[in-house]
Amino acid sequence: MPLIPEEPQIHESAQGPRVTPASGRTAPTPRPVPGPRPAAPPRPGRPGPVRPMPAQRTPREPVVAAPGPSAKPVAPAAGTPQIQLVPASADGALDAAEEAVDLLLESGRAPGEVLVITTGDPHPWAVHELSFGEAAYWAQHEAGDDVFYTDAAAAPRAASRPVVVVAVNGGSGEVAATALPLALGRAGALLIVCGDPQQINSVLAAGV
């Protein structure tokens, strides 16, 4: 007697209810037909569907904008003060240095933290104080209570201060080439140089 293979017994909970058509064959379990997706709710105050947000770009590293004509910072090497270049003519370098000093004091720097060096004509304050004698003049420097002004010739006698401002207001190229390295050595945190950018950059590129 031939054996009739039995249909596999599959539980209805896994396949769903079987539907037996008139022909007697077992109909396959129908797959569910997905219905239409619901429309995205409109934004408040804006009718209509919401547009998808554009893909966000990978954030770039912050770009430091090039400084304006008032100051040009130079990235310092490790262990050296920051250098800022303030473009100015020889006639305007002293005024630019005065503005730099005013900004330093307004930003919170104490007057005794600032040393100003001129390569050409001395600052009027230095001329006035030297009229009372060099002893009184340098005594004010040692006291460290106020901004101290000196010229490049006397600058080697000046002690270090956190901020040194150089006004390239004249003098020979050799004077500037000597004053800038000296000023850099006296500056503890910041060196500001006011003058012709081409002349200053040539000295800076030479190893300042």
Protein backbone atom coordinates (compact mmCIF):
# COMPACT_ATOMS: atom_id res chain seq x y z
CA MET A 1 0.00 0.00 0.00
CA PRO A 2 1.63 3.28 -1.08
CA LEU A 3 2.38 5.85 1.59
CA ILE A 4 0.75 9.18 1.29
CA PRO A 5 3.08 11.94 2.51
CA GLU A 6 1.56 13.96 5.21
CA GLU A 7 1.44 17.69 5.01
CA PRO A 8 3.72 19.36 7.54
CA GLN A 9 1.87 20.53 10.55
CA ILE A 10 2.56 24.24 10.97
CA HIS A 11 0.88 26.06 13.76
CA GLU A 12 -1.58 28.68 12.63
CA SER A 13 -0.08 31.26 14.93
CA ALA A 14 3.05 31.31 12.74
CA GLN A 15 1.41 31.14 9.32
CA GLY A 16 -2.00 32.63 9.97
CA PRO A 17 -5.35 31.01 9.21
CA ARG A 18 -5.52 28.88 6.10
CA VAL A 19 -8.10 29.64 3.54
CA THR A 20 -9.43 26.62 1.62
CA PRO A 21 -10.79 27.58 -1.79
CA ALA A 22 -13.45 25.63 -3.64
CA SER A 23 -10.88 23.57 -5.50
CA GLY A 24 -9.79 21.99 -2.24
CA ARG A 25 -6.21 23.29 -2.41
CA THR A 26 -4.76 25.22 0.45
CA ALA A 27 -4.21 28.87 -0.48
CA PRO A 28 -0.88 30.39 0.50
CA THR A 29 -0.90 32.72 3.39
CA PRO A 30 -1.39 36.25 1.95
CA ARG A 31 1.28 38.80 2.70
CA PRO A 32 0.10 42.01 4.29
CA VAL A 33 0.04 44.94 1.89
CA PRO A 34 1.56 48.03 3.42
CA GLY A 35 -0.78 50.94 3.50
CA PRO A 36 0.11 54.49 2.51
CA ARG A 37 2.51 56.30 4.77
CA PRO A 38 0.94 59.05 6.81
CA ALA A 39 1.83 62.53 5.67
CA ALA A 40 4.28 64.44 7.82
CA PRO A 41 2.58 67.01 10.01
CA PRO A 42 3.04 70.58 8.79
CA ARG A 43 5.24 72.97 10.70
CA PRO A 44 3.50 75.38 13.00
CA GLY A 45 2.44 78.39 11.04
CA ARG A 46 3.46 76.91 7.67
CA PRO A 47 0.92 74.95 5.64
CA GLY A 48 1.88 71.96 3.58
CA PRO A 49 4.28 69.05 4.13
CA VAL A 50 7.62 69.48 5.80
CA ARG A 51 10.65 69.37 3.55
CA PRO A 52 13.49 67.19 4.76
CA MET A 53 16.34 69.01 6.43
CA PRO A 54 19.54 69.17 4.35
CA ALA A 55 22.37 66.99 5.47
CA GLN A 56 24.68 68.72 7.88
CA ARG A 57 28.18 69.36 6.68
CA THR A 58 31.12 68.19 8.65
CA PRO A 59 32.24 71.13 10.77
CA ARG A 60 35.53 72.58 9.70
CA GLU A 61 38.27 73.79 11.92
CA PRO A 62 37.73 77.42 12.91
CA VAL A 63 39.51 79.74 10.52
CA VAL A 64 41.16 82.68 12.11
CA ALA A 65 40.34 85.75 10.09
CA ALA A 66 43.22 87.81 8.86
CA PRO A 67 43.66 90.81 11.15
CA GLY A 68 42.84 94.24 9.91
CA PRO A 69 45.30 97.00 9.26
CA SER A 70 45.45 97.90 12.93
CA ALA A 71 47.25 94.75 14.04
CA LYS A 72 48.92 91.75 12.49
CA PRO A 73 49.68 88.94 14.94
CA VAL A 74 52.61 86.68 14.23
CA ALA A 75 52.40 83.15 15.57
CA PRO A 76 55.07 82.83 18.27
CA ALA A 77 57.34 79.88 18.67
CA ALA A 78 57.18 77.84 21.83
CA GLY A 79 58.44 79.85 24.79
CA THR A 80 58.49 83.20 22.98
CA PRO A 81 56.06 86.10 23.36
CA GLN A 82 53.37 86.81 20.83
CA ILE A 83 54.27 89.39 18.20
CA GLN A 84 51.80 91.89 16.75
CA LEU A 85 52.55 94.18 13.84
CA VAL A 86 50.72 97.51 13.59
CA PRO A 87 51.30 98.99 10.12
CA ALA A 88 52.22 102.67 10.30
CA SER A 89 54.45 105.16 8.58
CA ALA A 90 57.54 106.48 10.33
CA ASP A 91 55.66 109.70 11.09
CA GLY A 92 52.65 107.82 12.48
CA ALA A 93 54.45 105.03 14.35
CA LEU A 94 54.58 106.94 17.63
CA ASP A 95 50.86 107.72 17.49
CA ALA A 96 50.15 104.07 16.69
CA ALA A 97 52.23 103.04 19.69
CA GLU A 98 50.26 105.45 21.89
CA GLU A 99 47.00 103.91 20.68
CA ALA A 100 48.37 100.44 21.40
CA VAL A 101 49.28 101.48 24.93
CA ASP A 102 45.81 102.93 25.47
CA LEU A 103 44.22 99.68 24.34
CA LEU A 104 46.49 97.68 26.63
CA LEU A 105 45.54 99.79 29.63
CA GLU A 106 41.84 99.62 28.74
CA SER A 107 42.08 95.83 28.47
CA GLY A 108 43.37 95.59 32.04
CA ARG A 109 47.13 95.80 31.73
CA ALA A 110 48.79 97.72 34.55
CA PRO A 111 50.86 100.71 33.42
CA GLY A 112 53.96 99.23 35.02
CA GLU A 113 53.69 96.20 32.73
CA VAL A 114 54.36 98.21 29.56
CA LEU A 115 57.67 99.32 28.09
CA VAL A 116 57.78 101.53 24.98
CA ILE A 117 60.90 101.75 22.79
CA THR A 118 61.38 104.27 19.99
CA THR A 119 63.91 103.89 17.16
CA GLY A 120 63.82 107.56 16.10
CA ASP A 121 62.93 110.64 18.10
CA PRO A 122 62.31 109.86 21.79
CA HIS A 123 58.83 110.02 23.25
CA PRO A 124 57.90 113.44 24.71
CA TRP A 125 57.47 111.84 28.13
CA ALA A 126 61.06 110.58 28.05
CA VAL A 127 62.32 114.00 26.97
CA HIS A 128 60.45 115.63 29.83
CA GLU A 129 61.61 113.16 32.49
CA LEU A 130 65.22 113.25 31.30
CA SER A 131 65.18 117.00 31.84
CA PHE A 132 65.24 116.23 35.58
CA GLY A 133 68.31 114.03 35.19
CA GLU A 134 68.98 110.44 34.30
CA ALA A 135 68.93 109.34 37.94
CA ALA A 136 65.33 110.45 38.41
CA TYR A 137 64.42 109.09 34.99
CA TRP A 138 65.69 105.57 35.68
CA ALA A 139 64.36 105.66 39.23
CA GLN A 140 60.87 105.78 37.73
CA HIS A 141 61.73 102.77 35.61
CA GLU A 142 62.87 100.83 38.66
CA ALA A 143 59.74 101.79 40.57
CA GLY A 144 57.62 100.20 37.83
CA ASP A 145 54.55 102.28 38.58
CA ASP A 146 53.92 103.67 35.11
CA VAL A 147 54.48 103.08 31.41
CA PHE A 148 58.16 103.62 30.72
CA TYR A 149 59.40 105.20 27.50
CA THR A 150 62.94 104.90 26.23
CA ASP A 151 64.79 105.06 22.95
CA ALA A 152 66.65 102.24 21.26
CA ALA A 153 70.04 103.51 22.42
CA ALA A 154 69.08 103.34 26.11
CA ALA A 155 66.80 100.29 25.81
CA PRO A 156 69.50 97.76 26.80
CA ARG A 157 69.37 99.26 30.29
CA ALA A 158 65.61 98.67 30.57
CA ALA A 159 64.44 95.60 32.42
CA SER A 160 61.95 93.07 31.07
CA ARG A 161 58.23 93.79 31.21
CA PRO A 162 55.22 91.67 30.17
CA VAL A 163 54.48 93.90 27.17
CA VAL A 164 56.95 95.82 25.00
CA VAL A 165 55.78 98.26 22.32
CA VAL A 166 58.26 99.35 19.65
CA ALA A 167 57.64 102.47 17.57
CA VAL A 168 59.77 102.34 14.43
CA ASN A 169 59.51 106.09 14.01
CA GLY A 170 62.79 106.68 12.22
CA GLY A 171 66.42 105.86 12.63
CA SER A 172 68.51 103.70 10.36
CA GLY A 173 67.72 100.15 9.38
CA GLU A 174 70.50 98.98 11.66
CA VAL A 175 68.80 100.63 14.63
CA ALA A 176 65.54 98.78 13.94
CA ALA A 177 67.41 95.53 13.32
CA THR A 178 69.02 95.91 16.74
CA ALA A 179 65.98 97.23 18.61
CA LEU A 180 63.57 94.48 17.59
CA PRO A 181 65.61 91.52 18.90
CA LEU A 182 66.30 93.50 22.06
CA ALA A 183 62.58 94.26 22.48
CA LEU A 184 61.72 90.62 21.91
CA GLY A 185 64.11 89.65 24.65
CA ARG A 186 62.53 92.17 27.03
CA ALA A 187 58.92 91.16 26.29
CA GLY A 188 57.52 88.56 28.63
CA ALA A 189 54.18 87.92 26.91
CA LEU A 190 53.58 90.35 24.04
CA LEU A 191 55.64 92.40 21.59
CA ILE A 192 53.84 95.06 19.54
CA VAL A 193 55.78 96.65 16.68
CA CYS A 194 54.43 99.80 15.01
CA GLY A 195 55.97 100.77 11.71
CA ASP A 196 56.51 99.89 8.07
CA PRO A 197 55.44 96.25 7.58
CA GLN A 198 58.02 95.54 4.87
CA GLN A 199 60.88 96.78 7.00
CA ILE A 200 59.66 94.99 10.12
CA ASN A 201 58.96 91.72 8.34
CA SER A 202 62.43 91.72 6.85
CA VAL A 203 63.87 91.95 10.36
CA LEU A 204 61.44 89.34 11.70
CA ALA A 205 62.29 86.97 8.86
CA ALA A 206 65.97 87.41 9.69
CA GLY A 207 65.44 85.55 12.92
CA VAL A 208 63.61 87.72 15.40
